[in-house]
Every structure is written in C-alpha cells, then in structure tokens.
C-alpha cells in the first residue's frame, strides 16, 4: 500500500467512504473497509507531511521564510 501516490490513496479512501455511507455492506466487510480507510488516511497524512518537509527544506535552502500554518478566513467559508 505504501507504493500508492497521495492521489491514489485519496481516490480509494473516497470509494470506501461512499460504500460505508450507503450502509449496504455486511458488518464484517464494513469493518474491513473501515480498517483499510484508516490505513489509507494514515498513508495520506504521511505523504502530506513528507511534502511539507520537502517544501520547508527547499525554502530554507533558498534563504526564504519558513512555512506558516494555513488559516482560512471565516468570511471565505460563508
């Protein structure tokens, strides 16, 4: 599973969410799908962290400022 790209992991995760939301899977299958979803979520988070670290390193090499956490404006969400 670790050889999946971020995009592939997200696509699989979305498919699993749709299946689980439909509520038509037998309990055991639903649990297996949920377990797979947790693994995909962790993998996606790791890939995002790796990308963030790489961007930070590139910015540091260029002598630029470090990354700041993203903050959305409440007005933009409305």
N, C-alpha and C. Protein backbone atom coordinates (compact mmCIF):
# COMPACT_ATOMS: atom_id res chain seq x y z
N UNK A 1 0.82 -1.20 0.00
CA UNK A 1 0.00 0.00 0.00
C UNK A 1 0.86 1.25 0.00
N UNK A 2 2.05 1.20 0.57
CA UNK A 2 2.90 2.38 0.68
C UNK A 2 3.39 2.88 -0.68
N UNK A 3 3.20 2.06 -1.73
CA UNK A 3 3.63 2.50 -3.05
C UNK A 3 2.56 3.33 -3.76
N UNK A 4 1.42 3.52 -3.10
CA UNK A 4 0.37 4.36 -3.68
C UNK A 4 0.77 5.83 -3.62
N UNK A 5 0.35 6.56 -4.62
CA UNK A 5 0.55 8.01 -4.57
C UNK A 5 -0.52 8.60 -3.66
N UNK A 6 -0.33 9.85 -3.29
CA UNK A 6 -1.31 10.55 -2.46
C UNK A 6 -2.67 10.54 -3.15
N UNK A 7 -2.68 10.82 -4.44
CA UNK A 7 -3.92 10.90 -5.19
C UNK A 7 -4.62 9.54 -5.24
N UNK A 8 -3.85 8.47 -5.44
CA UNK A 8 -4.44 7.14 -5.49
C UNK A 8 -5.03 6.75 -4.13
N UNK A 9 -4.32 7.07 -3.07
CA UNK A 9 -4.81 6.78 -1.72
C UNK A 9 -6.11 7.53 -1.46
N UNK A 10 -6.16 8.79 -1.88
CA UNK A 10 -7.38 9.59 -1.66
C UNK A 10 -8.55 9.04 -2.47
N UNK A 11 -8.29 8.60 -3.68
CA UNK A 11 -9.36 8.03 -4.51
C UNK A 11 -9.93 6.78 -3.86
N UNK A 12 -9.05 5.90 -3.38
CA UNK A 12 -9.50 4.69 -2.71
C UNK A 12 -10.27 5.02 -1.44
N UNK A 13 -9.78 5.99 -0.71
CA UNK A 13 -10.44 6.41 0.52
C UNK A 13 -11.85 6.93 0.23
N UNK A 14 -11.98 7.72 -0.81
CA UNK A 14 -13.29 8.25 -1.20
C UNK A 14 -14.26 7.13 -1.57
N UNK A 15 -13.78 6.12 -2.29
CA UNK A 15 -14.63 4.99 -2.67
C UNK A 15 -15.12 4.25 -1.42
N UNK A 16 -14.23 4.06 -0.47
CA UNK A 16 -14.60 3.36 0.76
C UNK A 16 -15.64 4.16 1.53
N UNK A 17 -15.45 5.46 1.60
CA UNK A 17 -16.41 6.32 2.32
C UNK A 17 -17.79 6.19 1.68
N UNK A 18 -17.86 6.21 0.37
CA UNK A 18 -19.14 6.08 -0.32
C UNK A 18 -19.79 4.75 0.02
N UNK A 19 -19.01 3.67 -0.02
CA UNK A 19 -19.55 2.35 0.30
C UNK A 19 -20.07 2.30 1.74
N UNK A 20 -19.31 2.85 2.66
CA UNK A 20 -19.72 2.82 4.06
C UNK A 20 -20.96 3.69 4.28
N UNK A 21 -21.04 4.82 3.60
CA UNK A 21 -22.19 5.71 3.76
C UNK A 21 -23.48 5.08 3.23
N UNK A 22 -23.35 4.23 2.24
CA UNK A 22 -24.53 3.56 1.69
C UNK A 22 -25.13 2.58 2.70
N UNK A 23 -24.30 2.05 3.59
CA UNK A 23 -24.79 1.16 4.64
C UNK A 23 -25.27 -0.20 4.17
N UNK A 24 -24.84 -0.62 3.00
CA UNK A 24 -25.31 -1.89 2.45
C UNK A 24 -24.32 -3.04 2.66
N UNK A 25 -23.14 -2.76 3.19
CA UNK A 25 -22.14 -3.81 3.39
C UNK A 25 -22.46 -4.60 4.65
N UNK A 26 -22.19 -5.91 4.61
CA UNK A 26 -22.30 -6.69 5.84
C UNK A 26 -21.30 -6.15 6.87
N UNK A 27 -21.58 -6.36 8.14
CA UNK A 27 -20.78 -5.79 9.21
C UNK A 27 -19.30 -6.13 9.06
N UNK A 28 -18.97 -7.38 8.79
CA UNK A 28 -17.57 -7.76 8.70
C UNK A 28 -16.87 -7.05 7.54
N UNK A 29 -17.54 -6.93 6.42
CA UNK A 29 -16.97 -6.21 5.28
C UNK A 29 -16.82 -4.73 5.60
N UNK A 30 -17.80 -4.18 6.29
CA UNK A 30 -17.73 -2.76 6.66
C UNK A 30 -16.54 -2.52 7.58
N UNK A 31 -16.29 -3.42 8.51
CA UNK A 31 -15.14 -3.29 9.41
C UNK A 31 -13.82 -3.38 8.64
N UNK A 32 -13.75 -4.29 7.68
CA UNK A 32 -12.55 -4.41 6.85
C UNK A 32 -12.32 -3.14 6.04
N UNK A 33 -13.39 -2.60 5.49
CA UNK A 33 -13.29 -1.37 4.71
C UNK A 33 -12.87 -0.20 5.61
N UNK A 34 -13.42 -0.16 6.82
CA UNK A 34 -13.05 0.90 7.76
C UNK A 34 -11.56 0.80 8.10
N UNK A 35 -11.08 -0.42 8.34
CA UNK A 35 -9.67 -0.63 8.64
C UNK A 35 -8.80 -0.16 7.47
N UNK A 36 -9.21 -0.49 6.27
CA UNK A 36 -8.48 -0.05 5.07
C UNK A 36 -8.49 1.47 4.98
N UNK A 37 -9.62 2.09 5.30
CA UNK A 37 -9.73 3.54 5.25
C UNK A 37 -8.78 4.19 6.25
N UNK A 38 -8.66 3.62 7.43
CA UNK A 38 -7.74 4.17 8.43
C UNK A 38 -6.30 4.09 7.92
N UNK A 39 -5.94 2.98 7.32
CA UNK A 39 -4.59 2.83 6.76
C UNK A 39 -4.34 3.85 5.65
N UNK A 40 -5.32 4.02 4.78
CA UNK A 40 -5.18 4.99 3.69
C UNK A 40 -5.08 6.41 4.23
N UNK A 41 -5.83 6.70 5.25
CA UNK A 41 -5.79 8.03 5.87
C UNK A 41 -4.40 8.29 6.46
N UNK A 42 -3.86 7.32 7.16
CA UNK A 42 -2.51 7.47 7.74
C UNK A 42 -1.47 7.64 6.64
N UNK A 43 -1.59 6.87 5.59
CA UNK A 43 -0.65 6.97 4.47
C UNK A 43 -0.71 8.36 3.84
N UNK A 44 -1.93 8.85 3.63
CA UNK A 44 -2.10 10.17 3.05
C UNK A 44 -1.50 11.25 3.93
N UNK A 45 -1.70 11.12 5.23
CA UNK A 45 -1.14 12.09 6.18
C UNK A 45 0.39 12.07 6.12
N UNK A 46 0.97 10.88 6.05
CA UNK A 46 2.43 10.76 5.95
C UNK A 46 2.95 11.43 4.68
N UNK A 47 2.25 11.19 3.58
CA UNK A 47 2.68 11.78 2.30
C UNK A 47 2.60 13.31 2.36
N UNK A 48 1.55 13.84 2.99
CA UNK A 48 1.43 15.29 3.13
C UNK A 48 2.55 15.85 4.01
N UNK A 49 2.88 15.15 5.09
CA UNK A 49 3.96 15.60 5.96
C UNK A 49 5.30 15.59 5.23
N UNK A 50 5.52 14.56 4.43
CA UNK A 50 6.76 14.48 3.66
C UNK A 50 6.85 15.64 2.67
N UNK A 51 5.74 15.95 2.02
CA UNK A 51 5.73 17.05 1.07
C UNK A 51 5.99 18.37 1.78
N UNK A 52 5.40 18.55 2.95
CA UNK A 52 5.61 19.78 3.72
C UNK A 52 7.07 19.91 4.13
N UNK A 53 7.68 18.81 4.56
CA UNK A 53 9.09 18.84 4.94
C UNK A 53 9.97 19.21 3.75
N UNK A 54 9.65 18.65 2.60
CA UNK A 54 10.44 18.94 1.41
C UNK A 54 10.34 20.41 1.03
N UNK A 55 9.13 20.96 1.09
CA UNK A 55 8.94 22.37 0.78
C UNK A 55 9.71 23.23 1.78
N UNK A 56 9.66 22.88 3.06
CA UNK A 56 10.39 23.63 4.08
C UNK A 56 11.89 23.61 3.80
N UNK A 57 12.41 22.44 3.44
CA UNK A 57 13.83 22.32 3.14
C UNK A 57 14.21 23.18 1.94
N UNK A 58 13.37 23.14 0.91
CA UNK A 58 13.66 23.94 -0.28
C UNK A 58 13.64 25.44 0.04
N UNK A 59 12.69 25.85 0.86
CA UNK A 59 12.63 27.26 1.25
C UNK A 59 13.85 27.65 2.07
N UNK A 60 14.29 26.78 2.96
CA UNK A 60 15.46 27.07 3.79
C UNK A 60 16.71 27.16 2.92
N UNK A 61 16.82 26.30 1.92
CA UNK A 61 17.97 26.34 1.03
C UNK A 61 18.01 27.64 0.25
N UNK A 62 16.86 28.20 -0.02
CA UNK A 62 16.79 29.45 -0.77
C UNK A 62 16.85 30.67 0.14
N UNK A 63 16.95 30.43 1.45
CA UNK A 63 17.03 31.53 2.40
C UNK A 63 15.72 32.26 2.59
N UNK A 64 14.63 31.60 2.24
CA UNK A 64 13.32 32.22 2.39
C UNK A 64 12.72 31.87 3.74
N UNK A 65 11.62 32.51 4.04
CA UNK A 65 10.96 32.28 5.31
C UNK A 65 10.42 30.86 5.38
N UNK A 66 10.15 30.44 6.60
CA UNK A 66 9.59 29.11 6.82
C UNK A 66 8.10 29.12 6.56
N UNK A 67 7.52 27.94 6.49
CA UNK A 67 6.10 27.80 6.27
C UNK A 67 5.32 28.22 7.50
N UNK A 68 4.18 28.82 7.29
CA UNK A 68 3.27 29.19 8.38
C UNK A 68 2.01 28.36 8.22
N UNK A 69 1.37 28.01 9.32
CA UNK A 69 0.13 27.23 9.21
C UNK A 69 -0.93 28.01 8.43
N UNK A 70 -1.72 27.27 7.67
CA UNK A 70 -2.77 27.88 6.88
C UNK A 70 -3.92 28.28 7.79
N UNK A 71 -4.40 29.49 7.62
CA UNK A 71 -5.55 29.96 8.38
C UNK A 71 -6.56 30.52 7.39
N UNK A 72 -7.73 29.90 7.37
CA UNK A 72 -8.76 30.40 6.46
C UNK A 72 -9.57 31.47 7.16
N UNK A 73 -10.08 32.38 6.38
CA UNK A 73 -10.93 33.42 6.92
C UNK A 73 -12.35 32.89 7.05
N UNK A 74 -13.00 33.17 8.15
CA UNK A 74 -14.37 32.72 8.35
C UNK A 74 -15.28 33.29 7.27
N UNK A 75 -14.97 34.48 6.76
CA UNK A 75 -15.77 35.10 5.72
C UNK A 75 -15.68 34.32 4.42
N UNK A 76 -14.52 33.70 4.14
CA UNK A 76 -14.35 32.94 2.92
C UNK A 76 -15.19 31.68 2.93
N UNK A 77 -15.42 31.12 4.11
CA UNK A 77 -16.17 29.88 4.24
C UNK A 77 -17.67 30.11 4.12
N UNK A 78 -18.11 31.32 4.30
CA UNK A 78 -19.55 31.61 4.29
C UNK A 78 -20.12 31.66 2.90
